Amino acid sequence: MRPEHCVTRHHIEVWHPRVLPAGPERIRFRTVLRGSLLPVLVWIGAACFAYVVYDPLVAVILGGLFTLSLTVGFGLRRRAGHSVRCSVYGAPGGVLDKSMAGL
């Protein structure tokens, strides 16, 4: 797989397409996070809500669930033959994209 095509662009196209470069070129991790701003804010809001309303332990459990999802996403991408860079960038993008599927 060519490096400029390796990083997934779908989740960025769904949530914030203006941050993408025009052609197939390398995407920085900052672009992945900027393109996924709404899902990141939803996860942060859910963690803050759980911290304030329920207990800090619930927010820690939610953070652990997010971390576990990132780890599984990274492992699945590596097993599928993606590069480490693509796996590092694609795991958060995939988790954020799939967690917002209901919206």
N, C-alpha and C. Protein backbone atom coordinates (compact mmCIF):
# COMPACT_ATOMS: atom_id res chain seq x y z
N MET A 1 0.85 -1.17 0.00
CA MET A 1 0.00 0.00 0.00
C MET A 1 0.90 1.24 0.00
N ARG A 2 0.59 2.17 -0.86
CA ARG A 2 1.39 3.40 -0.94
C ARG A 2 1.13 4.27 0.27
N PRO A 3 2.17 4.92 0.82
CA PRO A 3 1.99 5.70 2.04
C PRO A 3 0.96 6.82 1.92
N GLU A 4 0.87 7.47 0.77
CA GLU A 4 -0.08 8.58 0.67
C GLU A 4 -1.53 8.11 0.61
N HIS A 5 -1.75 6.83 0.34
CA HIS A 5 -3.11 6.29 0.29
C HIS A 5 -3.46 5.50 1.54
N CYS A 6 -2.50 5.31 2.43
CA CYS A 6 -2.68 4.40 3.55
C CYS A 6 -3.61 4.97 4.61
N VAL A 7 -3.47 6.23 4.95
CA VAL A 7 -4.27 6.80 6.04
C VAL A 7 -5.72 6.93 5.58
N THR A 8 -6.61 6.41 6.38
CA THR A 8 -8.02 6.45 6.02
C THR A 8 -8.53 7.89 6.00
N ARG A 9 -9.36 8.21 5.01
CA ARG A 9 -9.89 9.55 4.86
C ARG A 9 -11.39 9.60 5.07
N HIS A 10 -12.03 8.43 5.17
CA HIS A 10 -13.49 8.41 5.22
C HIS A 10 -14.04 9.16 6.42
N HIS A 11 -13.53 8.91 7.61
CA HIS A 11 -14.09 9.55 8.80
C HIS A 11 -13.91 11.06 8.75
N ILE A 12 -12.82 11.54 8.13
CA ILE A 12 -12.62 12.98 8.01
C ILE A 12 -13.60 13.56 6.99
N GLU A 13 -13.84 12.84 5.89
CA GLU A 13 -14.80 13.30 4.89
C GLU A 13 -16.20 13.41 5.46
N VAL A 14 -16.54 12.54 6.41
CA VAL A 14 -17.87 12.56 7.00
C VAL A 14 -18.03 13.74 7.95
N TRP A 15 -17.03 13.99 8.81
CA TRP A 15 -17.21 14.97 9.87
C TRP A 15 -16.68 16.35 9.56
N HIS A 16 -15.63 16.48 8.75
CA HIS A 16 -15.06 17.80 8.50
C HIS A 16 -14.23 17.77 7.22
N PRO A 17 -14.87 17.73 6.05
CA PRO A 17 -14.13 17.52 4.80
C PRO A 17 -13.21 18.67 4.40
N ARG A 18 -13.40 19.85 4.95
CA ARG A 18 -12.58 20.99 4.53
C ARG A 18 -11.13 20.90 5.00
N VAL A 19 -10.83 20.06 5.97
CA VAL A 19 -9.45 19.98 6.47
C VAL A 19 -8.58 19.07 5.62
N LEU A 20 -9.17 18.32 4.68
CA LEU A 20 -8.41 17.40 3.85
C LEU A 20 -7.68 18.13 2.73
N PRO A 21 -6.48 17.67 2.38
CA PRO A 21 -5.82 18.21 1.20
C PRO A 21 -6.57 17.79 -0.06
N ALA A 22 -6.35 18.50 -1.15
CA ALA A 22 -7.10 18.25 -2.38
C ALA A 22 -6.79 16.90 -3.00
N GLY A 23 -5.55 16.49 -3.00
CA GLY A 23 -5.17 15.25 -3.66
C GLY A 23 -4.71 14.19 -2.68
N PRO A 24 -4.25 13.06 -3.22
CA PRO A 24 -3.74 11.99 -2.35
C PRO A 24 -2.34 12.32 -1.85
N GLU A 25 -2.24 12.90 -0.69
CA GLU A 25 -0.95 13.19 -0.09
C GLU A 25 -1.00 12.80 1.38
N ARG A 26 0.15 12.78 2.01
CA ARG A 26 0.21 12.36 3.41
C ARG A 26 -0.60 13.29 4.29
N ILE A 27 -1.26 12.68 5.25
CA ILE A 27 -2.07 13.43 6.19
C ILE A 27 -1.38 13.38 7.54
N ARG A 28 -1.31 14.50 8.22
CA ARG A 28 -0.71 14.54 9.55
C ARG A 28 -1.73 14.12 10.60
N PHE A 29 -1.22 13.73 11.76
CA PHE A 29 -2.11 13.30 12.84
C PHE A 29 -2.99 14.45 13.30
N ARG A 30 -2.47 15.65 13.25
CA ARG A 30 -3.25 16.84 13.61
C ARG A 30 -4.48 16.98 12.70
N THR A 31 -4.32 16.66 11.42
CA THR A 31 -5.44 16.72 10.48
C THR A 31 -6.49 15.67 10.82
N VAL A 32 -6.03 14.49 11.24
CA VAL A 32 -6.98 13.44 11.64
C VAL A 32 -7.81 13.92 12.82
N LEU A 33 -7.17 14.52 13.82
CA LEU A 33 -7.91 15.00 14.99
C LEU A 33 -8.79 16.20 14.66
N ARG A 34 -8.28 17.11 13.84
CA ARG A 34 -9.07 18.27 13.44
C ARG A 34 -10.29 17.85 12.61
N GLY A 35 -10.11 16.84 11.78
CA GLY A 35 -11.22 16.34 10.99
C GLY A 35 -12.24 15.58 11.80
N SER A 36 -11.84 15.14 12.98
CA SER A 36 -12.74 14.38 13.86
C SER A 36 -13.12 15.20 15.08
N LEU A 37 -13.24 16.49 14.93
CA LEU A 37 -13.48 17.37 16.07
C LEU A 37 -14.80 17.08 16.77
N LEU A 38 -15.88 16.89 16.03
CA LEU A 38 -17.17 16.62 16.66
C LEU A 38 -17.15 15.33 17.47
N PRO A 39 -16.67 14.21 16.94
CA PRO A 39 -16.62 13.00 17.77
C PRO A 39 -15.72 13.15 19.00
N VAL A 40 -14.60 13.88 18.87
CA VAL A 40 -13.73 14.09 20.03
C VAL A 40 -14.47 14.88 21.10
N LEU A 41 -15.20 15.91 20.69
CA LEU A 41 -15.96 16.71 21.66
C LEU A 41 -17.08 15.89 22.31
N VAL A 42 -17.70 14.99 21.57
CA VAL A 42 -18.73 14.14 22.15
C VAL A 42 -18.14 13.21 23.20
N TRP A 43 -16.99 12.59 22.91
CA TRP A 43 -16.34 11.72 23.90
C TRP A 43 -15.93 12.51 25.14
N ILE A 44 -15.37 13.70 24.95
CA ILE A 44 -14.97 14.53 26.09
C ILE A 44 -16.19 14.95 26.89
N GLY A 45 -17.26 15.33 26.20
CA GLY A 45 -18.49 15.72 26.89
C GLY A 45 -19.09 14.57 27.68
N ALA A 46 -19.07 13.37 27.12
CA ALA A 46 -19.60 12.20 27.84
C ALA A 46 -18.76 11.91 29.07
N ALA A 47 -17.45 12.05 28.96
CA ALA A 47 -16.58 11.81 30.11
C ALA A 47 -16.81 12.86 31.19
N CYS A 48 -16.94 14.13 30.81
CA CYS A 48 -17.21 15.19 31.79
C CYS A 48 -18.57 15.00 32.45
N PHE A 49 -19.56 14.64 31.66
CA PHE A 49 -20.90 14.38 32.21
C PHE A 49 -20.85 13.23 33.21
N ALA A 50 -20.17 12.16 32.86
CA ALA A 50 -20.07 11.02 33.77
C ALA A 50 -19.31 11.39 35.04
N TYR A 51 -18.29 12.21 34.91
CA TYR A 51 -17.51 12.64 36.07
C TYR A 51 -18.35 13.47 37.02
N VAL A 52 -19.11 14.41 36.48
CA VAL A 52 -19.88 15.33 37.32
C VAL A 52 -21.12 14.66 37.90
N VAL A 53 -21.86 13.94 37.08
CA VAL A 53 -23.15 13.40 37.51
C VAL A 53 -22.98 12.12 38.33
N TYR A 54 -22.13 11.22 37.87
CA TYR A 54 -22.03 9.93 38.54
C TYR A 54 -20.85 9.88 39.51
N ASP A 55 -19.68 9.64 38.98
CA ASP A 55 -18.52 9.43 39.84
C ASP A 55 -17.27 9.51 38.95
N PRO A 56 -16.15 9.94 39.49
CA PRO A 56 -14.94 9.94 38.67
C PRO A 56 -14.57 8.54 38.15
N LEU A 57 -14.94 7.51 38.87
CA LEU A 57 -14.65 6.15 38.44
C LEU A 57 -15.34 5.82 37.11
N VAL A 58 -16.54 6.33 36.91
CA VAL A 58 -17.26 6.09 35.66
C VAL A 58 -16.52 6.76 34.50
N ALA A 59 -15.98 7.95 34.71
CA ALA A 59 -15.21 8.63 33.67
C ALA A 59 -13.93 7.86 33.35
N VAL A 60 -13.31 7.27 34.38
CA VAL A 60 -12.11 6.47 34.16
C VAL A 60 -12.46 5.21 33.37
N ILE A 61 -13.57 4.59 33.67
CA ILE A 61 -14.01 3.40 32.93
C ILE A 61 -14.30 3.77 31.48
N LEU A 62 -14.92 4.90 31.24
CA LEU A 62 -15.18 5.36 29.87
C LEU A 62 -13.87 5.62 29.12
N GLY A 63 -12.91 6.22 29.79
CA GLY A 63 -11.59 6.42 29.19
C GLY A 63 -10.89 5.10 28.89
N GLY A 64 -11.04 4.14 29.78
CA GLY A 64 -10.47 2.81 29.55
C GLY A 64 -11.12 2.11 28.36
N LEU A 65 -12.43 2.28 28.22
CA LEU A 65 -13.13 1.71 27.07
C LEU A 65 -12.62 2.33 25.77
N PHE A 66 -12.41 3.62 25.77
CA PHE A 66 -11.87 4.31 24.58
C PHE A 66 -10.46 3.81 24.27
N THR A 67 -9.63 3.67 25.30
CA THR A 67 -8.26 3.18 25.11
C THR A 67 -8.25 1.75 24.59
N LEU A 68 -9.13 0.91 25.13
CA LEU A 68 -9.23 -0.47 24.65
C LEU A 68 -9.66 -0.50 23.19
N SER A 69 -10.60 0.36 22.82
CA SER A 69 -11.03 0.43 21.42
C SER A 69 -9.89 0.86 20.51
N LEU A 70 -9.08 1.81 20.96
CA LEU A 70 -7.91 2.24 20.18
C LEU A 70 -6.92 1.10 20.00
N THR A 71 -6.68 0.35 21.06
CA THR A 71 -5.73 -0.76 21.01
C THR A 71 -6.22 -1.86 20.06
N VAL A 72 -7.49 -2.19 20.15
CA VAL A 72 -8.04 -3.22 19.26
C VAL A 72 -8.02 -2.74 17.81
N GLY A 73 -8.37 -1.47 17.58
CA GLY A 73 -8.33 -0.92 16.23
C GLY A 73 -6.93 -0.93 15.65
N PHE A 74 -5.94 -0.59 16.47
CA PHE A 74 -4.55 -0.62 16.02
C PHE A 74 -4.14 -2.05 15.65
N GLY A 75 -4.48 -2.99 16.51
CA GLY A 75 -4.12 -4.39 16.25
C GLY A 75 -4.78 -4.94 15.01
N LEU A 76 -6.04 -4.63 14.80
CA LEU A 76 -6.74 -5.11 13.61
C LEU A 76 -6.15 -4.53 12.33
N ARG A 77 -5.76 -3.26 12.38
CA ARG A 77 -5.15 -2.64 11.21
C ARG A 77 -3.77 -3.25 10.92
N ARG A 78 -2.99 -3.50 11.96
CA ARG A 78 -1.68 -4.11 11.76
C ARG A 78 -1.83 -5.52 11.20
N ARG A 79 -2.80 -6.27 11.70
CA ARG A 79 -3.03 -7.62 11.21
C ARG A 79 -3.47 -7.62 9.75
N ALA A 80 -4.17 -6.56 9.34
CA ALA A 80 -4.63 -6.45 7.95
C ALA A 80 -3.51 -6.01 7.00
N GLY A 81 -2.33 -5.71 7.54
CA GLY A 81 -1.19 -5.38 6.69
C GLY A 81 -0.93 -3.90 6.52
N HIS A 82 -1.57 -3.06 7.31
CA HIS A 82 -1.32 -1.63 7.23
C HIS A 82 0.01 -1.30 7.90
N SER A 83 0.58 -0.19 7.53
CA SER A 83 1.83 0.25 8.16
C SER A 83 1.54 0.73 9.58
N VAL A 84 2.61 0.90 10.36
CA VAL A 84 2.44 1.38 11.73
C VAL A 84 1.84 2.77 11.72
N ARG A 85 2.33 3.62 10.83
CA ARG A 85 1.81 5.00 10.74
C ARG A 85 0.32 5.00 10.41
N CYS A 86 -0.06 4.19 9.45
CA CYS A 86 -1.46 4.10 9.07
C CYS A 86 -2.30 3.56 10.22
N SER A 87 -1.76 2.62 10.96
CA SER A 87 -2.50 2.04 12.09
C SER A 87 -2.66 3.06 13.22
N VAL A 88 -1.61 3.82 13.47
CA VAL A 88 -1.68 4.84 14.52
C VAL A 88 -2.68 5.93 14.16
N TYR A 89 -2.71 6.34 12.91
CA TYR A 89 -3.64 7.38 12.48
C TYR A 89 -5.05 6.83 12.30
N GLY A 90 -5.16 5.63 11.79
CA GLY A 90 -6.46 5.07 11.48
C GLY A 90 -7.23 4.56 12.67
N ALA A 91 -6.53 4.11 13.72
CA ALA A 91 -7.23 3.58 14.90
C ALA A 91 -8.09 4.64 15.57
N PRO A 92 -7.57 5.85 15.89
CA PRO A 92 -8.45 6.86 16.48
C PRO A 92 -9.55 7.30 15.52
N GLY A 93 -9.20 7.42 14.24
CA GLY A 93 -10.22 7.81 13.26
C GLY A 93 -11.33 6.79 13.17
N GLY A 94 -10.97 5.52 13.18
CA GLY A 94 -11.98 4.46 13.12
C GLY A 94 -12.84 4.41 14.36
N VAL A 95 -12.22 4.56 15.53
CA VAL A 95 -12.99 4.53 16.78
C VAL A 95 -13.93 5.72 16.84
N LEU A 96 -13.44 6.90 16.48
CA LEU A 96 -14.29 8.08 16.52
C LEU A 96 -15.41 7.99 15.50
N ASP A 97 -15.10 7.46 14.33
CA ASP A 97 -16.12 7.33 13.29
C ASP A 97 -17.20 6.32 13.70
N LYS A 98 -16.78 5.16 14.17
CA LYS A 98 -17.75 4.12 14.55
C LYS A 98 -18.56 4.51 15.79
N SER A 99 -17.97 5.27 16.70
CA SER A 99 -18.72 5.66 17.89
C SER A 99 -19.80 6.69 17.58
N MET A 100 -19.68 7.37 16.44
CA MET A 100 -20.67 8.38 16.06
C MET A 100 -21.64 7.85 15.01
N ALA A 101 -21.65 6.56 14.77
CA ALA A 101 -22.48 5.98 13.71
C ALA A 101 -23.97 6.21 13.95
N GLY A 102 -24.39 6.36 15.18
CA GLY A 102 -25.79 6.54 15.49
C GLY A 102 -26.31 7.94 15.24
N LEU A 103 -25.41 8.89 15.07
CA LEU A 103 -25.86 10.29 14.89
C LEU A 103 -26.23 10.59 13.49
